[in-house]
Amino acid sequence: MPTDPPPEELRLVVDLNRCQSYGQCVYAAPTVFRFHGEEALEYDYAPDPGTRREVERAAAACPVQAILLARATEPAPLAPERAR
């Protein structure tokens, strides 16, 4: 019996020089994009594949097209352990 292939990992790049902090991405995919302070955009550069639809909507909603979405070619690096 065939099984569905696993979802591809996503990689996200935001051109922060182009971004004007309109926040449409935050509304479209709040689990991936968020503001730190009033205008500094933070985002998960390797979002869960299950958020693909929301991330695609966020990229399409960006008025300055600052969001690029691609298929991962390498696994995401692990977060470094904090110094004790």
PDB file of N, CA and C in Angstrom:
ATOM      1  N   MET A   1       0.832  -1.170   0.000  1.00  0.00           N
ATOM      2  CA  MET A   1       0.000   0.000   0.000  1.00  0.00           C
ATOM      3  C   MET A   1       0.895   1.258   0.000  1.00  0.00           C
ATOM      4  N   PRO A   2       0.739   2.169  -0.984  1.00  0.00           N
ATOM      5  CA  PRO A   2       1.601   3.356  -1.021  1.00  0.00           C
ATOM      6  C   PRO A   2       1.264   4.311   0.126  1.00  0.00           C
ATOM      7  N   THR A   3       2.307   4.962   0.586  1.00  0.00           N
ATOM      8  CA  THR A   3       2.117   5.959   1.649  1.00  0.00           C
ATOM      9  C   THR A   3       2.451   7.336   1.092  1.00  0.00           C
ATOM     10  N   ASP A   4       1.894   8.341   1.721  1.00  0.00           N
ATOM     11  CA  ASP A   4       2.199   9.709   1.306  1.00  0.00           C
ATOM     12  C   ASP A   4       3.643  10.032   1.655  1.00  0.00           C
ATOM     13  N   PRO A   5       4.343  10.736   0.763  1.00  0.00           N
ATOM     14  CA  PRO A   5       5.713  11.115   1.100  1.00  0.00           C
ATOM     15  C   PRO A   5       5.696  12.116   2.250  1.00  0.00           C
ATOM     16  N   PRO A   6       6.755  12.133   3.041  1.00  0.00           N
ATOM     17  CA  PRO A   6       6.778  13.109   4.127  1.00  0.00           C
ATOM     18  C   PRO A   6       6.799  14.523   3.562  1.00  0.00           C
ATOM     19  N   PRO A   7       6.206  15.488   4.270  1.00  0.00           N
ATOM     20  CA  PRO A   7       6.226  16.856   3.765  1.00  0.00           C
ATOM     21  C   PRO A   7       7.647  17.390   3.710  1.00  0.00           C
ATOM     22  N   GLU A   8       7.919  18.174   2.692  1.00  0.00           N
ATOM     23  CA  GLU A   8       9.255  18.745   2.547  1.00  0.00           C
ATOM     24  C   GLU A   8       9.477  19.837   3.589  1.00  0.00           C
ATOM     25  N   GLU A   9      10.703  19.895   4.079  1.00  0.00           N
ATOM     26  CA  GLU A   9      11.044  20.961   5.013  1.00  0.00           C
ATOM     27  C   GLU A   9      11.094  22.281   4.257  1.00  0.00           C
ATOM     28  N   LEU A  10      10.676  23.333   4.931  1.00  0.00           N
ATOM     29  CA  LEU A  10      10.654  24.658   4.340  1.00  0.00           C
ATOM     30  C   LEU A  10      11.813  25.488   4.854  1.00  0.00           C
ATOM     31  N   ARG A  11      12.245  26.413   4.050  1.00  0.00           N
ATOM     32  CA  ARG A  11      13.203  27.423   4.482  1.00  0.00           C
ATOM     33  C   ARG A  11      12.609  28.768   4.101  1.00  0.00           C
ATOM     34  N   LEU A  12      12.731  29.691   5.008  1.00  0.00           N
ATOM     35  CA  LEU A  12      12.125  30.996   4.853  1.00  0.00           C
ATOM     36  C   LEU A  12      13.208  32.057   4.944  1.00  0.00           C
ATOM     37  N   VAL A  13      13.168  33.000   4.028  1.00  0.00           N
ATOM     38  CA  VAL A  13      14.088  34.135   4.065  1.00  0.00           C
ATOM     39  C   VAL A  13      13.263  35.392   3.914  1.00  0.00           C
ATOM     40  N   VAL A  14      13.514  36.350   4.789  1.00  0.00           N
ATOM     41  CA  VAL A  14      12.852  37.643   4.694  1.00  0.00           C
ATOM     42  C   VAL A  14      13.925  38.685   4.430  1.00  0.00           C
ATOM     43  N   ASP A  15      13.748  39.446   3.369  1.00  0.00           N
ATOM     44  CA  ASP A  15      14.659  40.543   3.058  1.00  0.00           C
ATOM     45  C   ASP A  15      14.300  41.687   3.996  1.00  0.00           C
ATOM     46  N   LEU A  16      15.041  41.802   5.098  1.00  0.00           N
ATOM     47  CA  LEU A  16      14.730  42.805   6.109  1.00  0.00           C
ATOM     48  C   LEU A  16      15.042  44.228   5.640  1.00  0.00           C
ATOM     49  N   ASN A  17      15.812  44.374   4.569  1.00  0.00           N
ATOM     50  CA  ASN A  17      16.026  45.700   3.982  1.00  0.00           C
ATOM     51  C   ASN A  17      14.793  46.141   3.201  1.00  0.00           C
ATOM     52  N   ARG A  18      14.091  45.185   2.640  1.00  0.00           N
ATOM     53  CA  ARG A  18      12.886  45.482   1.866  1.00  0.00           C
ATOM     54  C   ARG A  18      11.651  45.584   2.764  1.00  0.00           C
ATOM     55  N   CYS A  19      11.623  44.801   3.851  1.00  0.00           N
ATOM     56  CA  CYS A  19      10.470  44.756   4.755  1.00  0.00           C
ATOM     57  C   CYS A  19      10.172  46.143   5.320  1.00  0.00           C
ATOM     58  N   GLN A  20       8.905  46.519   5.284  1.00  0.00           N
ATOM     59  CA  GLN A  20       8.468  47.818   5.803  1.00  0.00           C
ATOM     60  C   GLN A  20       7.603  47.672   7.055  1.00  0.00           C
ATOM     61  N   SER A  21       7.577  46.490   7.642  1.00  0.00           N
ATOM     62  CA  SER A  21       6.844  46.196   8.882  1.00  0.00           C
ATOM     63  C   SER A  21       5.342  46.455   8.774  1.00  0.00           C
ATOM     64  N   TYR A  22       4.757  46.130   7.636  1.00  0.00           N
ATOM     65  CA  TYR A  22       3.311  46.255   7.496  1.00  0.00           C
ATOM     66  C   TYR A  22       2.590  45.223   8.359  1.00  0.00           C
ATOM     67  N   GLY A  23       3.222  44.081   8.614  1.00  0.00           N
ATOM     68  CA  GLY A  23       2.662  43.084   9.513  1.00  0.00           C
ATOM     69  C   GLY A  23       1.653  42.134   8.904  1.00  0.00           C
ATOM     70  N   GLN A  24       1.485  42.143   7.593  1.00  0.00           N
ATOM     71  CA  GLN A  24       0.531  41.225   6.978  1.00  0.00           C
ATOM     72  C   GLN A  24       0.936  39.772   7.209  1.00  0.00           C
ATOM     73  N   CYS A  25       2.240  39.514   7.258  1.00  0.00           N
ATOM     74  CA  CYS A  25       2.717  38.155   7.506  1.00  0.00           C
ATOM     75  C   CYS A  25       2.366  37.696   8.918  1.00  0.00           C
ATOM     76  N   VAL A  26       2.410  38.611   9.877  1.00  0.00           N
ATOM     77  CA  VAL A  26       2.088  38.274  11.267  1.00  0.00           C
ATOM     78  C   VAL A  26       0.624  37.846  11.376  1.00  0.00           C
ATOM     79  N   TYR A  27      -0.252  38.517  10.636  1.00  0.00           N
ATOM     80  CA  TYR A  27      -1.671  38.155  10.651  1.00  0.00           C
ATOM     81  C   TYR A  27      -1.915  36.842   9.920  1.00  0.00           C
ATOM     82  N   ALA A  28      -1.184  36.602   8.828  1.00  0.00           N
ATOM     83  CA  ALA A  28      -1.406  35.408   8.013  1.00  0.00           C
ATOM     84  C   ALA A  28      -0.811  34.144   8.642  1.00  0.00           C
ATOM     85  N   ALA A  29       0.316  34.282   9.337  1.00  0.00           N
ATOM     86  CA  ALA A  29       0.992  33.114   9.922  1.00  0.00           C
ATOM     87  C   ALA A  29       1.596  33.490  11.278  1.00  0.00           C
ATOM     88  N   PRO A  30       0.758  33.701  12.287  1.00  0.00           N
ATOM     89  CA  PRO A  30       1.261  34.165  13.583  1.00  0.00           C
ATOM     90  C   PRO A  30       2.153  33.177  14.322  1.00  0.00           C
ATOM     91  N   THR A  31       2.127  31.902  13.949  1.00  0.00           N
ATOM     92  CA  THR A  31       3.025  30.955  14.599  1.00  0.00           C
ATOM     93  C   THR A  31       4.426  31.003  14.001  1.00  0.00           C
ATOM     94  N   VAL A  32       4.575  31.679  12.875  1.00  0.00           N
ATOM     95  CA  VAL A  32       5.866  31.753  12.193  1.00  0.00           C
ATOM     96  C   VAL A  32       6.467  33.156  12.282  1.00  0.00           C
ATOM     97  N   PHE A  33       5.640  34.179  12.139  1.00  0.00           N
ATOM     98  CA  PHE A  33       6.093  35.570  12.143  1.00  0.00           C
ATOM     99  C   PHE A  33       5.582  36.285  13.388  1.00  0.00           C
ATOM    100  N   ARG A  34       6.402  37.186  13.939  1.00  0.00           N
ATOM    101  CA  ARG A  34       5.982  37.990  15.089  1.00  0.00           C
ATOM    102  C   ARG A  34       6.843  39.248  15.131  1.00  0.00           C
ATOM    103  N   PHE A  35       6.305  40.256  15.780  1.00  0.00           N
ATOM    104  CA  PHE A  35       7.071  41.483  15.977  1.00  0.00           C
ATOM    105  C   PHE A  35       7.741  41.442  17.339  1.00  0.00           C
ATOM    106  N   HIS A  36       8.961  41.895  17.375  1.00  0.00           N
ATOM    107  CA  HIS A  36       9.694  42.091  18.620  1.00  0.00           C
ATOM    108  C   HIS A  36       9.773  43.600  18.802  1.00  0.00           C
ATOM    109  N   GLY A  37       9.084  44.106  19.788  1.00  0.00           N
ATOM    110  CA  GLY A  37       8.995  45.553  19.916  1.00  0.00           C
ATOM    111  C   GLY A  37       7.971  46.073  18.928  1.00  0.00           C
ATOM    112  N   GLU A  38       8.167  47.281  18.482  1.00  0.00           N
ATOM    113  CA  GLU A  38       7.175  47.904  17.605  1.00  0.00           C
ATOM    114  C   GLU A  38       7.345  47.552  16.132  1.00  0.00           C
ATOM    115  N   GLU A  39       8.589  47.376  15.670  1.00  0.00           N
ATOM    116  CA  GLU A  39       8.784  47.167  14.243  1.00  0.00           C
ATOM    117  C   GLU A  39       9.735  46.049  13.858  1.00  0.00           C
ATOM    118  N   ALA A  40      10.468  45.465  14.798  1.00  0.00           N
ATOM    119  CA  ALA A  40      11.456  44.440  14.455  1.00  0.00           C
ATOM    120  C   ALA A  40      10.765  43.096  14.207  1.00  0.00           C
ATOM    121  N   LEU A  41      10.846  42.625  12.992  1.00  0.00           N
ATOM    122  CA  LEU A  41      10.221  41.366  12.628  1.00  0.00           C
ATOM    123  C   LEU A  41      11.117  40.204  13.024  1.00  0.00           C
ATOM    124  N   GLU A  42      10.535  39.212  13.673  1.00  0.00           N
ATOM    125  CA  GLU A  42      11.206  37.948  13.964  1.00  0.00           C
ATOM    126  C   GLU A  42      10.424  36.864  13.243  1.00  0.00           C
ATOM    127  N   TYR A  43      11.124  35.813  12.832  1.00  0.00           N
ATOM    128  CA  TYR A  43      10.433  34.730  12.140  1.00  0.00           C
ATOM    129  C   TYR A  43      11.211  33.437  12.296  1.00  0.00           C
ATOM    130  N   ASP A  44      10.514  32.344  12.124  1.00  0.00           N
ATOM    131  CA  ASP A  44      11.100  31.020  12.177  1.00  0.00           C
ATOM    132  C   ASP A  44      11.594  30.696  10.771  1.00  0.00           C
ATOM    133  N   TYR A  45      12.903  30.634  10.579  1.00  0.00           N
ATOM    134  CA  TYR A  45      13.432  30.422   9.229  1.00  0.00           C
ATOM    135  C   TYR A  45      13.255  28.982   8.748  1.00  0.00           C
ATOM    136  N   ALA A  46      12.915  28.071   9.653  1.00  0.00           N
ATOM    137  CA  ALA A  46      12.649  26.680   9.265  1.00  0.00           C
ATOM    138  C   ALA A  46      11.314  26.255   9.880  1.00  0.00           C
ATOM    139  N   PRO A  47      10.207  26.816   9.380  1.00  0.00           N
ATOM    140  CA  PRO A  47       8.906  26.521   9.989  1.00  0.00           C
ATOM    141  C   PRO A  47       8.476  25.077   9.763  1.00  0.00           C
ATOM    142  N   ASP A  48       7.587  24.631  10.611  1.00  0.00           N
ATOM    143  CA  ASP A  48       7.018  23.294  10.495  1.00  0.00           C
ATOM    144  C   ASP A  48       6.334  23.150   9.133  1.00  0.00           C
ATOM    145  N   PRO A  49       6.557  22.041   8.438  1.00  0.00           N
ATOM    146  CA  PRO A  49       5.911  21.860   7.130  1.00  0.00           C
ATOM    147  C   PRO A  49       4.389  21.969   7.182  1.00  0.00           C
ATOM    148  N   GLY A  50       3.800  21.721   8.336  1.00  0.00           N
ATOM    149  CA  GLY A  50       2.355  21.839   8.471  1.00  0.00           C
ATOM    150  C   GLY A  50       1.848  23.269   8.372  1.00  0.00           C
ATOM    151  N   THR A  51       2.748  24.234   8.448  1.00  0.00           N
ATOM    152  CA  THR A  51       2.362  25.649   8.335  1.00  0.00           C
ATOM    153  C   THR A  51       2.531  26.181   6.918  1.00  0.00           C
ATOM    154  N   ARG A  52       2.826  25.301   5.986  1.00  0.00           N
ATOM    155  CA  ARG A  52       3.123  25.738   4.615  1.00  0.00           C
ATOM    156  C   ARG A  52       2.040  26.646   4.026  1.00  0.00           C
ATOM    157  N   ARG A  53       0.788  26.266   4.171  1.00  0.00           N
ATOM    158  CA  ARG A  53      -0.301  27.074   3.584  1.00  0.00           C
ATOM    159  C   ARG A  53      -0.301  28.486   4.170  1.00  0.00           C
ATOM    160  N   GLU A  54      -0.145  28.597   5.495  1.00  0.00           N
ATOM    161  CA  GLU A  54      -0.130  29.913   6.139  1.00  0.00           C
ATOM    162  C   GLU A  54       1.084  30.737   5.690  1.00  0.00           C
ATOM    163  N   VAL A  55       2.235  30.071   5.560  1.00  0.00           N
ATOM    164  CA  VAL A  55       3.446  30.768   5.119  1.00  0.00           C
ATOM    165  C   VAL A  55       3.294  31.249   3.681  1.00  0.00           C
ATOM    166  N   GLU A  56       2.694  30.432   2.831  1.00  0.00           N
ATOM    167  CA  GLU A  56       2.455  30.852   1.446  1.00  0.00           C
ATOM    168  C   GLU A  56       1.512  32.049   1.408  1.00  0.00           C
ATOM    169  N   ARG A  57       0.488  32.041   2.257  1.00  0.00           N
ATOM    170  CA  ARG A  57      -0.426  33.191   2.329  1.00  0.00           C
ATOM    171  C   ARG A  57       0.315  34.438   2.803  1.00  0.00           C
ATOM    172  N   ALA A  58       1.185  34.257   3.785  1.00  0.00           N
ATOM    173  CA  ALA A  58       1.952  35.387   4.302  1.00  0.00           C
ATOM    174  C   ALA A  58       2.849  35.983   3.215  1.00  0.00           C
ATOM    175  N   ALA A  59       3.512  35.127   2.458  1.00  0.00           N
ATOM    176  CA  ALA A  59       4.378  35.609   1.377  1.00  0.00           C
ATOM    177  C   ALA A  59       3.563  36.346   0.320  1.00  0.00           C
ATOM    178  N   ALA A  60       2.398  35.815  -0.010  1.00  0.00           N
ATOM    179  CA  ALA A  60       1.541  36.456  -1.013  1.00  0.00           C
ATOM    180  C   ALA A  60       0.980  37.779  -0.503  1.00  0.00           C
ATOM    181  N   ALA A  61       0.757  37.885   0.815  1.00  0.00           N
ATOM    182  CA  ALA A  61       0.169  39.100   1.389  1.00  0.00           C
ATOM    183  C   ALA A  61       1.177  40.219   1.587  1.00  0.00           C
ATOM    184  N   CYS A  62       2.456  39.914   1.525  1.00  0.00           N
ATOM    185  CA  CYS A  62       3.478  40.944   1.760  1.00  0.00           C
ATOM    186  C   CYS A  62       3.434  41.988   0.651  1.00  0.00           C
ATOM    187  N   PRO A  63       3.120  43.242   0.992  1.00  0.00           N
ATOM    188  CA  PRO A  63       2.993  44.269  -0.051  1.00  0.00           C
ATOM    189  C   PRO A  63       4.294  44.593  -0.773  1.00  0.00           C
ATOM    190  N   VAL A  64       5.436  44.287  -0.156  1.00  0.00           N
ATOM    191  CA  VAL A  64       6.718  44.583  -0.806  1.00  0.00           C
ATOM    192  C   VAL A  64       7.454  43.324  -1.239  1.00  0.00           C
ATOM    193  N   GLN A  65       6.754  42.164  -1.137  1.00  0.00           N
ATOM    194  CA  GLN A  65       7.305  40.877  -1.570  1.00  0.00           C
ATOM    195  C   GLN A  65       8.686  40.609  -0.969  1.00  0.00           C
ATOM    196  N   ALA A  66       8.792  40.782   0.359  1.00  0.00           N
ATOM    197  CA  ALA A  66      10.061  40.590   1.063  1.00  0.00           C
ATOM    198  C   ALA A  66      10.264  39.159   1.546  1.00  0.00           C
ATOM    199  N   ILE A  67       9.261  38.294   1.375  1.00  0.00           N
ATOM    200  CA  ILE A  67       9.330  36.938   1.918  1.00  0.00           C
ATOM    201  C   ILE A  67       9.590  35.940   0.800  1.00  0.00           C
ATOM    202  N   LEU A  68      10.632  35.137   0.966  1.00  0.00           N
ATOM    203  CA  LEU A  68      10.969  34.091   0.013  1.00  0.00           C
ATOM    204  C   LEU A  68      10.820  32.750   0.705  1.00  0.00           C
ATOM    205  N   LEU A  69      10.171  31.819   0.052  1.00  0.00           N
ATOM    206  CA  LEU A  69       9.935  30.486   0.585  1.00  0.00           C
ATOM    207  C   LEU A  69      10.592  29.484  -0.347  1.00  0.00           C
ATOM    208  N   ALA A  70      11.359  28.558   0.232  1.00  0.00           N
ATOM    209  CA  ALA A  70      12.049  27.567  -0.588  1.00  0.00           C
ATOM    210  C   ALA A  70      12.007  26.212   0.089  1.00  0.00           C
ATOM    211  N   ARG A  71      12.302  25.210  -0.677  1.00  0.00           N
ATOM    212  CA  ARG A  71      12.420  23.847  -0.170  1.00  0.00           C
ATOM    213  C   ARG A  71      13.796  23.716   0.467  1.00  0.00           C
ATOM    214  N   ALA A  72      13.854  23.044   1.594  1.00  0.00           N
ATOM    215  CA  ALA A  72      15.125  22.864   2.289  1.00  0.00           C
ATOM    216  C   ALA A  72      16.022  21.913   1.506  1.00  0.00           C
ATOM    217  N   THR A  73      17.284  22.232   1.417  1.00  0.00           N
ATOM    218  CA  THR A  73      18.247  21.334   0.795  1.00  0.00           C
ATOM    219  C   THR A  73      19.121  20.671   1.850  1.00  0.00           C
ATOM    220  N   GLU A  74      19.104  21.222   3.061  1.00  0.00           N
ATOM    221  CA  GLU A  74      19.850  20.653   4.180  1.00  0.00           C
ATOM    222  C   GLU A  74      18.971  20.707   5.414  1.00  0.00           C
ATOM    223  N   PRO A  75      19.192  19.824   6.369  1.00  0.00           N
ATOM    224  CA  PRO A  75      18.414  19.895   7.599  1.00  0.00           C
ATOM    225  C   PRO A  75      18.722  21.179   8.368  1.00  0.00           C
ATOM    226  N   ALA A  76      17.743  21.659   9.094  1.00  0.00           N
ATOM    227  CA  ALA A  76      17.938  22.866   9.903  1.00  0.00           C
ATOM    228  C   ALA A  76      18.940  22.563  11.010  1.00  0.00           C
ATOM    229  N   PRO A  77      19.814  23.519  11.313  1.00  0.00           N
ATOM    230  CA  PRO A  77      20.770  23.297  12.410  1.00  0.00           C
ATOM    231  C   PRO A  77      20.032  23.275  13.741  1.00  0.00           C
ATOM    232  N   LEU A  78      20.578  22.534  14.670  1.00  0.00           N
ATOM    233  CA  LEU A  78      20.006  22.498  16.010  1.00  0.00           C
ATOM    234  C   LEU A  78      20.352  23.769  16.741  1.00  0.00           C
ATOM    235  N   ALA A  79      19.462  24.194  17.599  1.00  0.00           N
ATOM    236  CA  ALA A  79      19.721  25.381  18.410  1.00  0.00           C
ATOM    237  C   ALA A  79      20.883  25.082  19.347  1.00  0.00           C
ATOM    238  N   PRO A  80      21.817  26.027  19.481  1.00  0.00           N
ATOM    239  CA  PRO A  80      22.953  25.791  20.387  1.00  0.00           C
ATOM    240  C   PRO A  80      22.471  25.741  21.836  1.00  0.00           C
ATOM    241  N   GLU A  81      23.147  24.915  22.619  1.00  0.00           N
ATOM    242  CA  GLU A  81      22.820  24.844  24.029  1.00  0.00           C
ATOM    243  C   GLU A  81      23.327  26.108  24.705  1.00  0.00           C
ATOM    244  N   ARG A  82      22.573  26.568  25.664  1.00  0.00           N
ATOM    245  CA  ARG A  82      22.966  27.775  26.381  1.00  0.00           C
ATOM    246  C   ARG A  82      24.133  27.476  27.314  1.00  0.00           C
ATOM    247  N   ALA A  83      25.011  28.441  27.437  1.00  0.00           N
ATOM    248  CA  ALA A  83      26.145  28.296  28.354  1.00  0.00           C
ATOM    249  C   ALA A  83      25.628  28.258  29.779  1.00  0.00           C
ATOM    250  N   ARG A  84      26.249  27.452  30.577  1.00  0.00           N
ATOM    251  CA  ARG A  84      25.809  27.332  31.975  1.00  0.00           C
ATOM    252  C   ARG A  84      26.519  28.308  32.844  1.00  0.00           C
TER     253      ARG A  84
END
